[in-house]
Amino acid sequence: MLQIYFAFSLQQAKNIIQSHDALTPLFLYLSFINVHSPLQAPKKYLDKYRDIKSTRRRRYAAMVDIVDEAIGHVTEAMKKAG
């Protein structure tokens, strides 16, 4: 039987994946709102894009980077879970 989950955070999604029976189909909905306003990101991500002159574009690039990193964590959790 298909199990449906709605996750509200990366950690919650990882917990669902790790505890889910890999023999049962899984539908996991995880919606990222990081690339919406307000445009803000931690300094460590902003520093990666310091060559972008526009502050808005630099912040947006950092926010997209955070989403990419989170998706990578979800993908890795699914690979480990089988």
Protein backbone atom coordinates (compact mmCIF):
# COMPACT_ATOMS: atom_id res chain seq x y z
CA MET A 1 0.00 0.00 0.00
CA LEU A 2 1.30 3.46 -0.95
CA GLN A 3 2.26 5.63 2.00
CA ILE A 4 1.95 9.39 1.60
CA TYR A 5 3.91 11.86 3.71
CA PHE A 6 4.13 15.62 3.78
CA ALA A 7 7.38 16.90 5.25
CA PHE A 8 7.86 20.44 6.46
CA SER A 9 11.61 20.37 6.93
CA LEU A 10 14.68 18.64 5.57
CA GLN A 11 15.23 16.80 8.85
CA GLN A 12 11.63 15.60 8.92
CA ALA A 13 11.97 14.31 5.34
CA LYS A 14 15.18 12.47 6.22
CA ASN A 15 13.51 10.90 9.28
CA ILE A 16 10.57 9.71 7.16
CA ILE A 17 12.91 8.21 4.55
CA GLN A 18 15.08 6.47 7.16
CA SER A 19 12.11 4.95 9.00
CA HIS A 20 10.14 3.95 5.88
CA ASP A 21 9.98 0.32 4.73
CA ALA A 22 11.79 0.31 1.36
CA LEU A 23 9.47 -2.45 0.10
CA THR A 24 6.45 -0.15 0.36
CA PRO A 25 5.94 2.64 -2.22
CA LEU A 26 6.51 6.11 -0.83
CA PHE A 27 5.22 9.50 -1.93
CA LEU A 28 7.02 12.29 -0.10
CA TYR A 29 6.09 15.92 -0.67
CA LEU A 30 8.69 18.42 0.50
CA SER A 31 8.15 21.98 -0.67
CA PHE A 32 11.06 24.38 -0.53
CA ILE A 33 10.21 28.05 -0.08
CA ASN A 34 13.82 29.21 0.14
CA VAL A 35 13.80 31.00 -3.19
CA HIS A 36 10.97 33.36 -2.30
CA SER A 37 11.19 36.68 -0.54
CA PRO A 38 12.61 37.92 1.64
CA LEU A 39 15.95 37.46 -0.10
CA GLN A 40 18.30 36.37 2.66
CA ALA A 41 20.90 33.69 3.21
CA PRO A 42 23.62 32.83 5.72
CA LYS A 43 26.99 34.49 5.19
CA LYS A 44 28.76 31.22 4.28
CA TYR A 45 26.49 30.87 1.24
CA LEU A 46 26.66 34.55 0.31
CA ASP A 47 30.46 34.41 0.40
CA LYS A 48 30.45 31.74 -2.33
CA TYR A 49 28.88 34.28 -4.70
CA ARG A 50 30.80 37.41 -3.72
CA ASP A 51 31.77 37.90 -7.40
CA ILE A 52 28.14 38.67 -8.27
CA LYS A 53 27.86 42.45 -8.10
CA SER A 54 24.10 42.70 -7.63
CA THR A 55 23.18 42.13 -3.98
CA ARG A 56 19.77 40.75 -4.97
CA ARG A 57 21.24 38.28 -7.47
CA ARG A 58 23.96 37.25 -5.00
CA ARG A 59 21.34 36.52 -2.32
CA TYR A 60 19.15 34.66 -4.80
CA ALA A 61 22.09 32.50 -5.95
CA ALA A 62 22.89 31.67 -2.33
CA MET A 63 19.27 30.71 -1.67
CA VAL A 64 19.17 28.41 -4.70
CA ASP A 65 22.43 26.84 -3.52
CA ILE A 66 20.79 26.04 -0.16
CA VAL A 67 17.88 24.31 -1.94
CA ASP A 68 20.30 22.32 -4.13
CA GLU A 69 22.20 21.21 -1.04
CA ALA A 70 18.99 20.13 0.70
CA ILE A 71 17.85 18.12 -2.33
CA GLY A 72 21.25 16.44 -2.31
CA HIS A 73 20.68 15.42 1.33
CA VAL A 74 17.25 13.97 0.47
CA THR A 75 18.71 12.08 -2.50
CA GLU A 76 21.51 10.67 -0.35
CA ALA A 77 19.03 9.58 2.35
CA MET A 78 16.96 7.77 -0.29
CA LYS A 79 20.03 6.02 -1.70
CA LYS A 80 21.03 4.84 1.79
CA ALA A 81 17.49 3.65 2.52
CA GLY A 82 17.40 1.57 -0.64
